Amino acid sequence: MSGREASGELRVAVLGVGVMGAYHADALSRRVRGARVSVVSDFSPDRAAAVAGQVGARAVVDPLEAVSADDVDAVLVASPGSAHDAQVNACLDAGKPVLCEKPLTTDVGSAHAIVAKEAALGRQLVQVGFMRRFDDEYVALKKLITAGELGNPLLVHCTHRNPDVGRHFTSEFMIRDSVVHEVDVARFLLDEEIASVQVVAGLATGTAPPGTSDPMVVIFETAGGRVVTDEIFCRTGVAYEVRTEVVGERGSATIGLDQNLVVRSPGGRWGGQITPGFIERFGRAYDTELQRWVDAARRGTVDGPGAWDGYAAVAVCEAGVTAVRTGEKVAVRMQPRPVPRPEPATPLREPAGGPAGIAESGAGITAPDLEAAR
């Protein structure tokens, strides 16, 4: 056993090192305690080698070889969504914890198959990268709702704006890649499933490609009759803006106002700086997510949104894509939730004195499916 192994560090393979994967590899190497990147894989060998060199890891061409490697205890999947099914399944076959960036998979059937496969194993290995659950503001909002400070929550209003995106961000891609975050936010805050999706597409901005409706308003209705609205506007030309307001029977609360430094200057002008991109806005949440995942993996468990949350998001987005195509309200169809086979978690490796970790970031961070499994 090497010195690093003896220290109890979680050895992580990072699959896919584009913007998100490279960020995670750097975070695991520099800011997250109790882990190190041991293997990097990417469809571009040159990019894999470059990132591997930066974090002191080795580069592997075949991602499935990386999953099964002896010097890998856990896997972070940041590859394109089309590769997630095979890679997450390989992690389940190897019995290794996996943090999979959204989407869990790109279709409902394969996503539910992962849920069923994990349930049959009897232990949770899959966590899905819905990082907003680890953001301080979302955690505070969740606490407020759970404590009953707003009374019964009736409405949720979301705004999701990007300064610019690539031309591949079609209306359907916007649902799967951007609105998916609000899908999870709604489920996280309200603790219930989404029952239907409707999309209202008005006049598109002049910078949108032909045939793309940008902006759109997406309307969710939950199983309990609550209404969630989401304005998705990917080409504002301004900045990265993400806001959420919850309206309850006894008050309302809003997060994401970017009220940091506000300057008043001659001529009566005043204002501040809006975050330019998602890393600046959610960088701390990403790092908290990684730390919590590492700590949980070393204990042999999961601490965050799980496979069921990933499946539910895919199911809602599939209904959303149908709503874009038809212009109609579309019911969300979900298969029954498999009952997990009970089996105690087995820690991978734990150093003397227990796992290193950070303070809990707030009640409600654990997904409802984890509570049901306990």
Foldseek 3Di string as FASTA:
>chain_A
DDPLVQQQAAEEEEEACDPVSLLVQVLQQPPAPRYAHAEYEYCDQVVRCVSCVVRVYYYDHDLLCVLQDPRHQAYEYPYPQQCQLVNLVSNLVNVHAYEYEPQNHQALVSLQVSLVSCLAVQAFRYFYPLLVLQDLVLQVLLVCVVVCVQPAWAEKEKEWEAQADDLVCAQLNCLRPPVLSVLLSCCLNNVFAWWKKAKAADDADPPHDPRGRAWIWMWTATPVGHIYIYTYHYHPNAATFIKMKIHGPRGIDMDGPPPDDWDADPPRDIGDDHHHDDCVVRVVSSSQLVNQQSQQQQQQHGAAHGSVSSSSSSQHSVNVSVNVVPNDMGTRDDDDRDRHDHDDGDGPGAHPPGHDGDDDSHPSRGRPVVVVND
